[in-house]
Amino acid sequence: MTLVRKETRYGHNYRLDSKPVKGVTTLINAGYPKPALPRWSAKTVAEFVADRPDQVEALRAMGRAPMIDALKAVPWESRDVAAARGTDVHALADRIIHGQEVTPPEHLLGYVQGYIDWLDKHDVEVLHTERPVANRKWWYAGTFDAIARIGADVWLLDWKTSTGVYGDNALQLSAYRGAEFLIDLQGNELAMPPVDRIGIVHIRPDGSDLYEVRDPEAAWKDFLHVAWLAKAKDRIDAQLVRIGDDGEVVA
């Protein structure tokens, strides 16, 4: 197989033609600044301290350094809970869209029902789901959630269970759309099928909404810029070297 997606303890990675290749979300996260992230991290820690005084005192009893380490981890624990929920909903969504029966846990019932209601309302005809894709020219890989027919149009769709959806999500969709090929269920490399529209289905516990990417061509160009910056990061970080008194580079 020319493209391999390997699951790891911390997510997954890709190899294309036996070489490591960065994934779409990895490139976007590295190349696109997210100024709201530090504010979210600070707010999460502040809320923990304000809302859980008993736990804070228990941490204080551990000593200064352990307490600091524990509080620093609070935002990422919150992120991991959300990520696990998203993974579970994605797995259920893939089974549901193929007509399989599911028995979701109670805390996911709202998400599942909202997703089912959305599928029924739009009479979605699934064409492909959860297929790895790649582009050799721009050297990236990824996995889209679904390609489906809705009415007269073929859509490339991504399921999101986050609190909100954001403009930079369009970069992810445009990258999948811009892939050169996908890997089918038999492991064969097939040309990426053309799609008419791309969008995000925001799955929430109280329902689901479809958001269409307004300008896919602009999003594609922006993704390429972001990917270039992400790939250049190692080179940028290594630009400065220290020179010793003898005029030689200090290792």
Protein backbone atom coordinates (compact mmCIF):
# COMPACT_ATOMS: atom_id res chain seq x y z
CA MET A 1 0.00 0.00 0.00
CA THR A 2 1.40 3.38 -0.99
CA LEU A 3 -0.21 5.25 1.92
CA VAL A 4 -0.31 3.80 5.43
CA ARG A 5 -2.06 5.31 8.43
CA LYS A 6 -0.70 3.96 11.71
CA GLU A 7 -2.53 4.36 15.00
CA THR A 8 -0.32 5.38 17.93
CA ARG A 9 -0.78 6.01 21.62
CA TYR A 10 -1.17 9.72 20.95
CA GLY A 11 -3.20 9.61 17.73
CA HIS A 12 -1.95 8.48 14.35
CA ASN A 13 0.69 9.16 11.73
CA TYR A 14 1.18 8.50 8.03
CA ARG A 15 3.76 7.05 5.68
CA LEU A 16 3.58 7.76 1.96
CA ASP A 17 5.70 5.66 -0.40
CA SER A 18 7.48 4.30 2.71
CA LYS A 19 8.44 7.82 3.88
CA PRO A 20 7.03 9.83 6.80
CA VAL A 21 4.50 12.44 5.70
CA LYS A 22 2.77 15.02 7.87
CA GLY A 23 -0.97 14.94 8.32
CA VAL A 24 -3.33 17.77 7.44
CA THR A 25 -4.25 18.67 11.04
CA THR A 26 -0.61 18.51 12.14
CA LEU A 27 0.35 21.00 9.43
CA ILE A 28 -2.53 23.34 10.25
CA ASN A 29 -1.83 23.28 13.99
CA ALA A 30 1.86 24.03 13.39
CA GLY A 31 1.41 26.67 10.71
CA TYR A 32 -1.67 28.61 11.77
CA PRO A 33 -1.53 30.75 14.94
CA LYS A 34 -4.36 30.25 17.44
CA PRO A 35 -4.35 33.29 19.75
CA ALA A 36 -7.42 32.00 21.61
CA LEU A 37 -5.56 28.90 22.83
CA PRO A 38 -3.49 30.62 25.57
CA ARG A 39 -6.62 32.42 26.81
CA TRP A 40 -8.52 29.12 26.89
CA SER A 41 -5.69 27.46 28.81
CA ALA A 42 -5.55 30.25 31.39
CA LYS A 43 -9.36 30.24 31.76
CA THR A 44 -9.44 26.47 32.26
CA VAL A 45 -6.88 26.62 35.07
CA ALA A 46 -8.60 29.64 36.65
CA GLU A 47 -11.97 27.86 36.62
CA PHE A 48 -10.40 24.76 38.19
CA VAL A 49 -8.92 26.82 41.03
CA ALA A 50 -12.16 28.78 41.57
CA ASP A 51 -14.54 25.81 41.38
CA ARG A 52 -12.58 23.06 43.17
CA PRO A 53 -11.07 24.51 46.36
CA ASP A 54 -10.80 21.11 48.06
CA GLN A 55 -8.78 19.67 45.18
CA VAL A 56 -6.61 22.77 45.08
CA GLU A 57 -5.81 22.36 48.78
CA ALA A 58 -4.99 18.70 48.19
CA LEU A 59 -2.61 19.74 45.43
CA ARG A 60 -1.08 22.40 47.69
CA ALA A 61 -0.30 19.72 50.27
CA MET A 62 1.81 17.94 47.65
CA GLY A 63 4.26 20.83 47.50
CA ARG A 64 4.88 23.73 45.14
CA ALA A 65 6.49 21.91 42.20
CA PRO A 66 3.97 19.00 42.06
CA MET A 67 1.10 21.49 42.41
CA ILE A 68 2.39 23.58 39.51
CA ASP A 69 2.80 20.46 37.35
CA ALA A 70 -0.74 19.31 38.15
CA LEU A 71 -2.30 22.70 37.36
CA LYS A 72 -0.33 22.97 34.12
CA ALA A 73 -1.89 19.66 33.05
CA VAL A 74 -5.49 20.77 33.68
CA PRO A 75 -6.16 22.26 30.19
CA TRP A 76 -4.79 19.21 28.42
CA GLU A 77 -6.85 16.85 30.55
CA SER A 78 -9.91 18.85 29.52
CA ARG A 79 -8.78 18.68 25.89
CA ASP A 80 -8.26 14.92 26.11
CA VAL A 81 -11.79 14.40 27.45
CA ALA A 82 -13.22 16.38 24.52
CA ALA A 83 -11.00 14.50 22.07
CA ALA A 84 -12.14 11.13 23.44
CA ARG A 85 -15.76 12.23 23.09
CA GLY A 86 -15.11 13.29 19.50
CA THR A 87 -13.45 9.97 18.70
CA ASP A 88 -16.39 8.04 20.15
CA VAL A 89 -18.96 10.11 18.24
CA HIS A 90 -16.97 9.71 15.00
CA ALA A 91 -16.93 5.93 15.42
CA LEU A 92 -20.67 5.85 16.04
CA ALA A 93 -21.33 8.25 13.14
CA ASP A 94 -19.46 5.99 10.73
CA ARG A 95 -21.57 2.99 11.75
CA ILE A 96 -24.82 4.93 11.64
CA ILE A 97 -24.26 6.38 8.17
CA HIS A 98 -23.77 2.82 6.90
CA GLY A 99 -27.10 1.77 8.36
CA GLN A 100 -25.75 -0.18 11.32
CA GLU A 101 -27.54 -0.20 14.67
CA VAL A 102 -25.69 1.33 17.60
CA THR A 103 -26.20 1.49 21.36
CA PRO A 104 -24.49 4.70 22.45
CA PRO A 105 -23.59 5.40 26.08
CA GLU A 106 -25.94 7.74 27.87
CA HIS A 107 -23.61 10.74 27.73
CA LEU A 108 -23.55 10.53 23.91
CA LEU A 109 -27.28 9.98 23.32
CA GLY A 110 -27.91 13.62 22.43
CA TYR A 111 -25.06 13.72 19.92
CA VAL A 112 -26.20 10.50 18.25
CA GLN A 113 -29.85 11.50 18.04
CA GLY A 114 -28.95 14.92 16.63
CA TYR A 115 -26.76 13.28 14.02
CA ILE A 116 -29.45 10.74 13.04
CA ASP A 117 -32.05 13.50 12.74
CA TRP A 118 -29.72 15.44 10.45
CA LEU A 119 -29.08 12.41 8.22
CA ASP A 120 -32.81 11.71 7.93
CA LYS A 121 -33.65 15.34 7.20
CA HIS A 122 -31.13 15.59 4.36
CA ASP A 123 -31.59 12.08 2.89
CA VAL A 124 -27.82 11.50 2.81
CA GLU A 125 -26.46 8.87 0.38
CA VAL A 126 -23.01 7.78 1.56
CA LEU A 127 -20.30 7.21 -1.08
CA HIS A 128 -17.09 6.94 0.98
CA THR A 129 -16.27 7.22 4.67
CA GLU A 130 -13.08 7.40 6.73
CA ARG A 131 -10.67 7.01 3.81
CA PRO A 132 -7.00 8.05 3.95
CA VAL A 133 -5.95 10.52 1.25
CA ALA A 134 -2.66 12.08 0.17
CA ASN A 135 -1.02 14.51 -2.20
CA ARG A 136 2.49 13.77 -3.45
CA LYS A 137 3.06 17.17 -5.05
CA TRP A 138 2.43 19.05 -1.80
CA TRP A 139 3.46 16.10 0.39
CA TYR A 140 0.69 15.69 2.95
CA ALA A 141 -1.84 13.06 4.02
CA GLY A 142 -5.07 12.91 6.00
CA THR A 143 -8.36 11.11 6.49
CA PHE A 144 -11.72 12.58 5.55
CA ASP A 145 -14.92 11.64 7.39
CA ALA A 146 -17.33 11.25 4.48
CA ILE A 147 -18.11 11.89 0.86
CA ALA A 148 -21.87 11.77 0.37
CA ARG A 149 -24.60 12.81 -2.01
CA ILE A 150 -27.13 15.27 -0.67
CA GLY A 151 -29.76 16.09 -3.26
CA ALA A 152 -28.02 16.79 -6.57
CA ASP A 153 -24.63 17.59 -5.03
CA VAL A 154 -21.69 15.50 -3.84
CA TRP A 155 -20.32 16.81 -0.55
CA LEU A 156 -17.05 16.19 1.24
CA LEU A 157 -17.96 16.35 4.92
CA ASP A 158 -16.23 16.49 8.26
CA TRP A 159 -17.92 15.74 11.58
CA LYS A 160 -17.14 18.17 14.41
CA THR A 161 -18.20 17.75 18.05
CA SER A 162 -16.27 20.74 19.42
CA THR A 163 -17.99 23.63 21.19
CA GLY A 164 -17.94 25.60 17.95
CA VAL A 165 -16.72 25.49 14.37
CA TYR A 166 -14.15 27.96 13.09
CA GLY A 167 -12.92 29.44 9.85
CA ASP A 168 -9.65 27.51 9.89
CA ASN A 169 -11.67 24.27 9.74
CA ALA A 170 -12.13 25.19 6.06
CA LEU A 171 -8.39 24.64 5.54
CA GLN A 172 -8.77 21.02 6.64
CA LEU A 173 -11.67 20.38 4.26
CA SER A 174 -9.89 22.06 1.35
CA ALA A 175 -6.80 19.90 1.92
CA TYR A 176 -8.86 16.72 1.73
CA ARG A 177 -10.56 18.02 -1.41
CA GLY A 178 -7.15 18.84 -2.89
CA ALA A 179 -5.74 15.35 -2.33
CA GLU A 180 -4.59 13.48 -5.40
CA PHE A 181 -5.89 10.08 -4.34
CA LEU A 182 -7.62 8.03 -1.68
CA ILE A 183 -7.02 4.49 -0.48
CA ASP A 184 -10.09 2.28 -0.94
CA LEU A 185 -11.21 -0.54 1.35
CA GLN A 186 -9.10 -3.03 -0.60
CA GLY A 187 -5.96 -0.91 -0.21
CA ASN A 188 -5.95 0.36 -3.78
CA GLU A 189 -4.95 3.89 -4.75
CA LEU A 190 -7.85 5.64 -6.51
CA ALA A 191 -8.00 9.13 -7.96
CA MET A 192 -9.73 11.51 -5.58
CA PRO A 193 -13.37 11.76 -6.72
CA PRO A 194 -14.64 15.22 -7.65
CA VAL A 195 -16.93 16.90 -5.14
CA ASP A 196 -19.31 19.79 -5.67
CA ARG A 197 -19.31 21.25 -2.18
CA ILE A 198 -17.41 20.88 1.09
CA GLY A 199 -18.66 21.43 4.59
CA ILE A 200 -18.76 20.61 8.28
CA VAL A 201 -21.56 18.91 10.16
CA HIS A 202 -21.44 20.32 13.67
CA ILE A 203 -22.80 17.53 15.88
CA ARG A 204 -24.05 18.81 19.23
CA PRO A 205 -26.06 17.23 22.05
CA ASP A 206 -29.05 19.36 21.03
CA GLY A 207 -28.89 18.83 17.25
CA SER A 208 -26.64 19.16 14.22
CA ASP A 209 -25.99 21.92 11.68
CA LEU A 210 -24.29 21.98 8.29
CA TYR A 211 -21.72 24.69 7.56
CA GLU A 212 -20.51 25.09 3.98
CA VAL A 213 -17.06 26.41 3.10
CA ARG A 214 -17.78 29.71 1.40
CA ASP A 215 -14.75 29.84 -0.95
CA PRO A 216 -13.01 26.46 -1.34
CA GLU A 217 -10.38 27.78 -3.77
CA ALA A 218 -9.29 30.51 -1.36
CA ALA A 219 -9.23 27.98 1.48
CA TRP A 220 -7.02 25.69 -0.63
CA LYS A 221 -4.53 28.47 -1.32
CA ASP A 222 -4.51 29.41 2.35
CA PHE A 223 -3.90 25.79 3.35
CA LEU A 224 -0.87 25.61 1.06
CA HIS A 225 0.56 28.75 2.68
CA VAL A 226 -0.07 27.36 6.17
CA ALA A 227 1.46 24.00 5.22
CA TRP A 228 4.55 25.74 3.81
CA LEU A 229 5.03 27.67 7.05
CA ALA A 230 4.57 24.52 9.14
CA LYS A 231 7.16 22.65 7.08
CA ALA A 232 9.54 25.61 7.31
CA LYS A 233 9.39 25.73 11.10
CA ASP A 234 12.42 23.46 11.66
CA ARG A 235 14.46 25.51 9.21
CA ILE A 236 13.36 28.78 10.83
CA ASP A 237 14.14 27.52 14.33
CA ALA A 238 17.64 26.51 13.21
CA GLN A 239 18.54 29.83 11.60
CA LEU A 240 20.73 31.11 14.46
CA VAL A 241 23.99 29.43 15.48
CA ARG A 242 26.38 30.57 18.21
CA ILE A 243 29.89 31.54 17.12
CA GLY A 244 32.73 31.08 19.57
CA ASP A 245 35.62 33.48 20.18
CA ASP A 246 37.68 31.49 17.66
CA GLY A 247 35.13 32.23 14.94
CA GLU A 248 33.90 28.63 14.78
CA VAL A 249 30.36 27.38 15.29
CA VAL A 250 29.77 26.21 18.84
CA ALA A 251 28.05 22.81 18.88
